[in-house]
Amino acid sequence: MAGMKRFRFGWYGDGGLGERMIQAILAGRKTATSCPAYDPEDADLKAGDELELVDKHGSVRGRLVVDGVEVRPYGSFDDALAAAEGVTLAELKEKLGFANGRAIRDDEEMRVVRFRLAKP
């Protein structure tokens, strides 16, 4: 679909993390992602948006629909959110605990995007 926003997972040198995330999304094990709220990428997403799921090479791997976007403090991350991200809470905290050269504070606002695979 021309003009559809791209939702990229992975980057060169990620050690395969992006591909593992894509596989978890395609298998239905990952239905959310999060980042610092100040991160401008994907800041304009809203429920109902359709996105192309894209790998680090720019290949479209599927289509997603945004179910919701929320902003919440990093310290409020819990097992339910970790499960939606396809990891344990400890893994989620380790993955997100450091951004832009510094540790994330518990009171720092994070943007959580919940999504689902669109039917082909």
N, C-alpha and C. Protein backbone atom coordinates (compact mmCIF):
# COMPACT_ATOMS: atom_id res chain seq x y z
N MET A 1 0.86 -1.19 0.00
CA MET A 1 0.00 0.00 0.00
C MET A 1 0.89 1.24 0.00
N ALA A 2 0.82 2.04 -1.01
CA ALA A 2 1.67 3.22 -1.13
C ALA A 2 1.38 4.21 -0.02
N GLY A 3 2.44 4.78 0.53
CA GLY A 3 2.29 5.80 1.54
C GLY A 3 2.07 5.27 2.95
N MET A 4 2.04 3.94 3.12
CA MET A 4 1.85 3.38 4.45
C MET A 4 3.13 3.60 5.27
N LYS A 5 2.96 3.98 6.52
CA LYS A 5 4.10 4.22 7.40
C LYS A 5 4.83 2.90 7.65
N ARG A 6 6.15 3.00 7.74
CA ARG A 6 6.98 1.83 7.97
C ARG A 6 7.33 1.74 9.46
N PHE A 7 7.29 0.54 10.00
CA PHE A 7 7.63 0.26 11.39
C PHE A 7 8.81 -0.69 11.34
N ARG A 8 10.01 -0.14 11.54
CA ARG A 8 11.25 -0.88 11.32
C ARG A 8 11.73 -1.54 12.60
N PHE A 9 12.13 -2.80 12.47
CA PHE A 9 12.74 -3.54 13.57
C PHE A 9 14.11 -4.01 13.09
N GLY A 10 15.14 -3.66 13.84
CA GLY A 10 16.50 -4.08 13.54
C GLY A 10 17.33 -2.97 12.96
N TRP A 11 18.63 -3.16 13.05
CA TRP A 11 19.61 -2.23 12.53
C TRP A 11 20.89 -3.02 12.28
N TYR A 12 21.73 -2.50 11.43
CA TYR A 12 22.98 -3.18 11.12
C TYR A 12 23.82 -3.24 12.39
N GLY A 13 24.34 -4.43 12.69
CA GLY A 13 25.13 -4.63 13.90
C GLY A 13 24.30 -4.98 15.12
N ASP A 14 23.02 -5.33 14.93
CA ASP A 14 22.16 -5.63 16.09
C ASP A 14 22.29 -7.08 16.58
N GLY A 15 23.18 -7.85 15.95
CA GLY A 15 23.39 -9.22 16.39
C GLY A 15 22.19 -10.12 16.19
N GLY A 16 21.31 -9.76 15.25
CA GLY A 16 20.13 -10.57 14.97
C GLY A 16 18.91 -10.23 15.80
N LEU A 17 19.02 -9.22 16.67
CA LEU A 17 17.90 -8.84 17.53
C LEU A 17 16.67 -8.46 16.71
N GLY A 18 16.84 -7.65 15.69
CA GLY A 18 15.71 -7.22 14.87
C GLY A 18 14.98 -8.40 14.26
N GLU A 19 15.72 -9.36 13.72
CA GLU A 19 15.09 -10.53 13.12
C GLU A 19 14.35 -11.36 14.18
N ARG A 20 14.94 -11.49 15.37
CA ARG A 20 14.25 -12.22 16.45
C ARG A 20 12.95 -11.51 16.83
N MET A 21 12.97 -10.17 16.86
CA MET A 21 11.74 -9.43 17.17
C MET A 21 10.70 -9.63 16.08
N ILE A 22 11.12 -9.58 14.82
CA ILE A 22 10.19 -9.78 13.71
C ILE A 22 9.58 -11.18 13.79
N GLN A 23 10.40 -12.17 14.04
CA GLN A 23 9.88 -13.54 14.15
C GLN A 23 8.88 -13.66 15.31
N ALA A 24 9.16 -12.99 16.43
CA ALA A 24 8.23 -13.01 17.56
C ALA A 24 6.91 -12.32 17.20
N ILE A 25 6.98 -11.24 16.42
CA ILE A 25 5.76 -10.55 15.98
C ILE A 25 4.96 -11.47 15.05
N LEU A 26 5.63 -12.06 14.08
CA LEU A 26 4.95 -12.92 13.12
C LEU A 26 4.34 -14.14 13.78
N ALA A 27 4.95 -14.61 14.88
CA ALA A 27 4.43 -15.76 15.62
C ALA A 27 3.37 -15.36 16.65
N GLY A 28 3.14 -14.04 16.81
CA GLY A 28 2.14 -13.57 17.76
C GLY A 28 2.61 -13.47 19.19
N ARG A 29 3.92 -13.64 19.42
CA ARG A 29 4.47 -13.55 20.78
C ARG A 29 4.83 -12.13 21.18
N LYS A 30 4.96 -11.23 20.23
CA LYS A 30 5.30 -9.82 20.51
C LYS A 30 4.19 -8.95 19.95
N THR A 31 3.51 -8.23 20.84
CA THR A 31 2.38 -7.38 20.43
C THR A 31 2.53 -5.96 20.96
N ALA A 32 3.74 -5.62 21.41
CA ALA A 32 3.99 -4.26 21.90
C ALA A 32 5.47 -3.96 21.77
N THR A 33 5.75 -2.68 21.75
CA THR A 33 7.13 -2.20 21.78
C THR A 33 7.15 -0.89 22.54
N SER A 34 8.29 -0.53 23.10
CA SER A 34 8.36 0.71 23.88
C SER A 34 9.69 1.41 23.66
N CYS A 35 9.67 2.72 23.91
CA CYS A 35 10.85 3.55 23.76
C CYS A 35 10.64 4.80 24.60
N PRO A 36 11.71 5.57 24.83
CA PRO A 36 11.52 6.84 25.55
C PRO A 36 10.49 7.71 24.82
N ALA A 37 9.62 8.36 25.57
CA ALA A 37 8.55 9.17 24.99
C ALA A 37 9.08 10.31 24.14
N TYR A 38 10.28 10.78 24.42
CA TYR A 38 10.84 11.90 23.65
C TYR A 38 11.37 11.46 22.29
N ASP A 39 11.48 10.16 22.04
CA ASP A 39 11.98 9.66 20.78
C ASP A 39 11.02 10.08 19.67
N PRO A 40 11.48 10.84 18.68
CA PRO A 40 10.55 11.35 17.66
C PRO A 40 10.04 10.29 16.69
N GLU A 41 10.77 9.18 16.53
CA GLU A 41 10.32 8.15 15.59
C GLU A 41 9.05 7.50 16.11
N ASP A 42 8.06 7.43 15.29
CA ASP A 42 6.77 6.82 15.60
C ASP A 42 5.97 7.60 16.65
N ALA A 43 6.33 8.84 16.92
CA ALA A 43 5.62 9.64 17.92
C ALA A 43 4.21 9.99 17.48
N ASP A 44 3.94 9.92 16.19
CA ASP A 44 2.62 10.32 15.67
C ASP A 44 1.66 9.14 15.52
N LEU A 45 2.06 7.95 15.97
CA LEU A 45 1.18 6.79 15.83
C LEU A 45 -0.06 6.92 16.70
N LYS A 46 -1.16 6.34 16.20
CA LYS A 46 -2.41 6.33 16.97
C LYS A 46 -3.16 5.05 16.64
N ALA A 47 -4.10 4.69 17.49
CA ALA A 47 -4.90 3.48 17.29
C ALA A 47 -5.54 3.51 15.91
N GLY A 48 -5.50 2.37 15.24
CA GLY A 48 -6.07 2.24 13.91
C GLY A 48 -5.08 2.43 12.78
N ASP A 49 -3.92 3.01 13.06
CA ASP A 49 -2.91 3.18 12.01
C ASP A 49 -2.47 1.82 11.50
N GLU A 50 -2.28 1.72 10.18
CA GLU A 50 -1.73 0.51 9.57
C GLU A 50 -0.28 0.78 9.22
N LEU A 51 0.57 -0.20 9.49
CA LEU A 51 2.02 -0.05 9.32
C LEU A 51 2.60 -1.22 8.56
N GLU A 52 3.63 -0.95 7.77
CA GLU A 52 4.40 -2.02 7.17
C GLU A 52 5.46 -2.46 8.17
N LEU A 53 5.54 -3.74 8.46
CA LEU A 53 6.58 -4.31 9.31
C LEU A 53 7.80 -4.51 8.42
N VAL A 54 8.88 -3.80 8.72
CA VAL A 54 10.04 -3.75 7.83
C VAL A 54 11.28 -4.19 8.60
N ASP A 55 12.14 -4.97 7.93
CA ASP A 55 13.40 -5.36 8.56
C ASP A 55 14.49 -4.35 8.25
N LYS A 56 15.68 -4.60 8.76
CA LYS A 56 16.78 -3.64 8.61
C LYS A 56 17.23 -3.47 7.17
N HIS A 57 16.85 -4.40 6.30
CA HIS A 57 17.21 -4.30 4.89
C HIS A 57 16.15 -3.52 4.09
N GLY A 58 15.06 -3.15 4.75
CA GLY A 58 13.99 -2.43 4.08
C GLY A 58 12.94 -3.34 3.48
N SER A 59 13.06 -4.65 3.71
CA SER A 59 12.08 -5.60 3.18
C SER A 59 10.83 -5.61 4.04
N VAL A 60 9.67 -5.55 3.40
CA VAL A 60 8.40 -5.61 4.11
C VAL A 60 8.13 -7.05 4.49
N ARG A 61 7.89 -7.29 5.77
CA ARG A 61 7.70 -8.65 6.28
C ARG A 61 6.27 -8.93 6.71
N GLY A 62 5.44 -7.90 6.73
CA GLY A 62 4.06 -8.07 7.13
C GLY A 62 3.41 -6.71 7.32
N ARG A 63 2.18 -6.74 7.81
CA ARG A 63 1.45 -5.50 8.06
C ARG A 63 0.90 -5.55 9.48
N LEU A 64 0.98 -4.43 10.17
CA LEU A 64 0.51 -4.31 11.54
C LEU A 64 -0.59 -3.27 11.63
N VAL A 65 -1.43 -3.41 12.65
CA VAL A 65 -2.43 -2.40 12.98
C VAL A 65 -2.16 -1.98 14.42
N VAL A 66 -2.07 -0.68 14.66
CA VAL A 66 -1.85 -0.15 16.01
C VAL A 66 -3.14 -0.27 16.80
N ASP A 67 -3.08 -0.95 17.93
CA ASP A 67 -4.24 -1.09 18.81
C ASP A 67 -4.31 0.03 19.84
N GLY A 68 -3.19 0.62 20.16
CA GLY A 68 -3.19 1.70 21.13
C GLY A 68 -1.79 2.19 21.42
N VAL A 69 -1.71 3.41 21.91
CA VAL A 69 -0.45 4.03 22.29
C VAL A 69 -0.65 4.64 23.66
N GLU A 70 0.27 4.39 24.56
CA GLU A 70 0.18 4.98 25.90
C GLU A 70 1.54 5.50 26.32
N VAL A 71 1.53 6.48 27.19
CA VAL A 71 2.75 6.99 27.81
C VAL A 71 2.66 6.64 29.28
N ARG A 72 3.74 6.00 29.78
CA ARG A 72 3.75 5.61 31.18
C ARG A 72 5.18 5.64 31.69
N PRO A 73 5.36 5.80 33.01
CA PRO A 73 6.72 5.85 33.56
C PRO A 73 7.43 4.50 33.43
N TYR A 74 8.71 4.57 33.18
CA TYR A 74 9.53 3.37 33.06
C TYR A 74 9.40 2.48 34.30
N GLY A 75 9.31 3.08 35.47
CA GLY A 75 9.19 2.32 36.72
C GLY A 75 7.89 1.55 36.84
N SER A 76 6.91 1.84 35.99
CA SER A 76 5.63 1.13 36.06
C SER A 76 5.58 -0.09 35.15
N PHE A 77 6.66 -0.35 34.42
CA PHE A 77 6.68 -1.52 33.55
C PHE A 77 6.51 -2.76 34.40
N ASP A 78 5.68 -3.70 33.92
CA ASP A 78 5.34 -4.88 34.71
C ASP A 78 5.40 -6.14 33.85
N ASP A 79 5.08 -7.27 34.49
CA ASP A 79 5.13 -8.55 33.79
C ASP A 79 4.19 -8.59 32.59
N ALA A 80 3.03 -7.98 32.70
CA ALA A 80 2.07 -7.99 31.58
C ALA A 80 2.64 -7.27 30.36
N LEU A 81 3.26 -6.12 30.56
CA LEU A 81 3.86 -5.41 29.44
C LEU A 81 5.03 -6.21 28.88
N ALA A 82 5.86 -6.77 29.76
CA ALA A 82 6.99 -7.57 29.29
C ALA A 82 6.50 -8.73 28.43
N ALA A 83 5.43 -9.40 28.85
CA ALA A 83 4.88 -10.51 28.08
C ALA A 83 4.42 -10.03 26.71
N ALA A 84 3.79 -8.85 26.64
CA ALA A 84 3.36 -8.29 25.36
C ALA A 84 4.56 -7.96 24.48
N GLU A 85 5.69 -7.64 25.11
CA GLU A 85 6.91 -7.36 24.36
C GLU A 85 7.64 -8.64 23.99
N GLY A 86 7.15 -9.78 24.49
CA GLY A 86 7.74 -11.07 24.14
C GLY A 86 8.97 -11.44 24.94
N VAL A 87 9.13 -10.82 26.12
CA VAL A 87 10.29 -11.08 26.97
C VAL A 87 9.86 -11.13 28.43
N THR A 88 10.79 -11.45 29.32
CA THR A 88 10.52 -11.35 30.75
C THR A 88 10.70 -9.91 31.19
N LEU A 89 10.21 -9.57 32.37
CA LEU A 89 10.39 -8.21 32.88
C LEU A 89 11.87 -7.87 33.03
N ALA A 90 12.67 -8.82 33.51
CA ALA A 90 14.11 -8.57 33.66
C ALA A 90 14.75 -8.28 32.29
N GLU A 91 14.37 -9.03 31.27
CA GLU A 91 14.90 -8.80 29.93
C GLU A 91 14.46 -7.45 29.38
N LEU A 92 13.20 -7.08 29.63
CA LEU A 92 12.70 -5.78 29.17
C LEU A 92 13.46 -4.65 29.83
N LYS A 93 13.65 -4.75 31.13
CA LYS A 93 14.38 -3.69 31.86
C LYS A 93 15.83 -3.60 31.37
N GLU A 94 16.43 -4.75 31.10
CA GLU A 94 17.81 -4.74 30.60
C GLU A 94 17.87 -4.11 29.21
N LYS A 95 16.90 -4.46 28.36
CA LYS A 95 16.87 -3.96 26.98
C LYS A 95 16.64 -2.45 26.94
N LEU A 96 15.79 -1.94 27.83
CA LEU A 96 15.40 -0.53 27.77
C LEU A 96 16.07 0.35 28.82
N GLY A 97 16.83 -0.24 29.70
CA GLY A 97 17.36 0.52 30.84
C GLY A 97 18.39 1.57 30.52
N PHE A 98 18.84 1.62 29.28
CA PHE A 98 19.89 2.56 28.90
C PHE A 98 19.55 3.12 27.52
N ALA A 99 19.48 4.42 27.39
CA ALA A 99 19.18 5.05 26.10
C ALA A 99 19.93 6.36 25.97
N ASN A 100 20.41 6.61 24.79
CA ASN A 100 21.10 7.87 24.49
C ASN A 100 22.23 8.17 25.46
N GLY A 101 22.98 7.13 25.80
CA GLY A 101 24.18 7.31 26.61
C GLY A 101 23.95 7.47 28.10
N ARG A 102 22.74 7.16 28.59
CA ARG A 102 22.49 7.29 30.03
C ARG A 102 21.42 6.31 30.48
N ALA A 103 21.40 6.07 31.78
CA ALA A 103 20.40 5.16 32.34
C ALA A 103 19.03 5.84 32.34
N ILE A 104 17.99 5.05 32.06
CA ILE A 104 16.61 5.55 32.12
C ILE A 104 16.18 5.58 33.58
N ARG A 105 15.60 6.69 34.01
CA ARG A 105 15.10 6.83 35.38
C ARG A 105 13.71 6.20 35.50
N ASP A 106 13.35 5.75 36.70
CA ASP A 106 12.04 5.15 36.92
C ASP A 106 10.90 6.11 36.60
N ASP A 107 11.13 7.42 36.79
CA ASP A 107 10.05 8.39 36.54
C ASP A 107 10.02 8.89 35.09
N GLU A 108 10.92 8.39 34.26
CA GLU A 108 10.99 8.85 32.88
C GLU A 108 9.82 8.28 32.06
N GLU A 109 9.20 9.14 31.27
CA GLU A 109 8.06 8.72 30.47
C GLU A 109 8.51 7.91 29.26
N MET A 110 7.80 6.81 29.05
CA MET A 110 8.06 5.91 27.94
C MET A 110 6.79 5.79 27.10
N ARG A 111 6.97 5.64 25.79
CA ARG A 111 5.83 5.44 24.89
C ARG A 111 5.72 3.94 24.60
N VAL A 112 4.54 3.40 24.82
CA VAL A 112 4.27 1.98 24.56
C VAL A 112 3.29 1.91 23.40
N VAL A 113 3.66 1.20 22.36
CA VAL A 113 2.80 1.00 21.19
C VAL A 113 2.37 -0.46 21.19
N ARG A 114 1.06 -0.67 21.20
CA ARG A 114 0.50 -2.03 21.13
C ARG A 114 -0.04 -2.23 19.71
N PHE A 115 0.19 -3.41 19.17
CA PHE A 115 -0.17 -3.67 17.78
C PHE A 115 -0.58 -5.14 17.61
N ARG A 116 -1.10 -5.42 16.43
CA ARG A 116 -1.45 -6.79 16.05
C ARG A 116 -1.14 -6.95 14.57
N LEU A 117 -0.97 -8.19 14.17
CA LEU A 117 -0.79 -8.47 12.75
C LEU A 117 -2.09 -8.23 12.02
N ALA A 118 -2.02 -7.58 10.90
CA ALA A 118 -3.21 -7.38 10.06
C ALA A 118 -3.44 -8.66 9.28
N LYS A 119 -4.67 -8.93 8.98
CA LYS A 119 -4.98 -10.10 8.15
C LYS A 119 -4.50 -9.81 6.74
N PRO A 120 -3.91 -10.83 6.09
CA PRO A 120 -3.37 -10.62 4.73
C PRO A 120 -4.45 -10.24 3.73
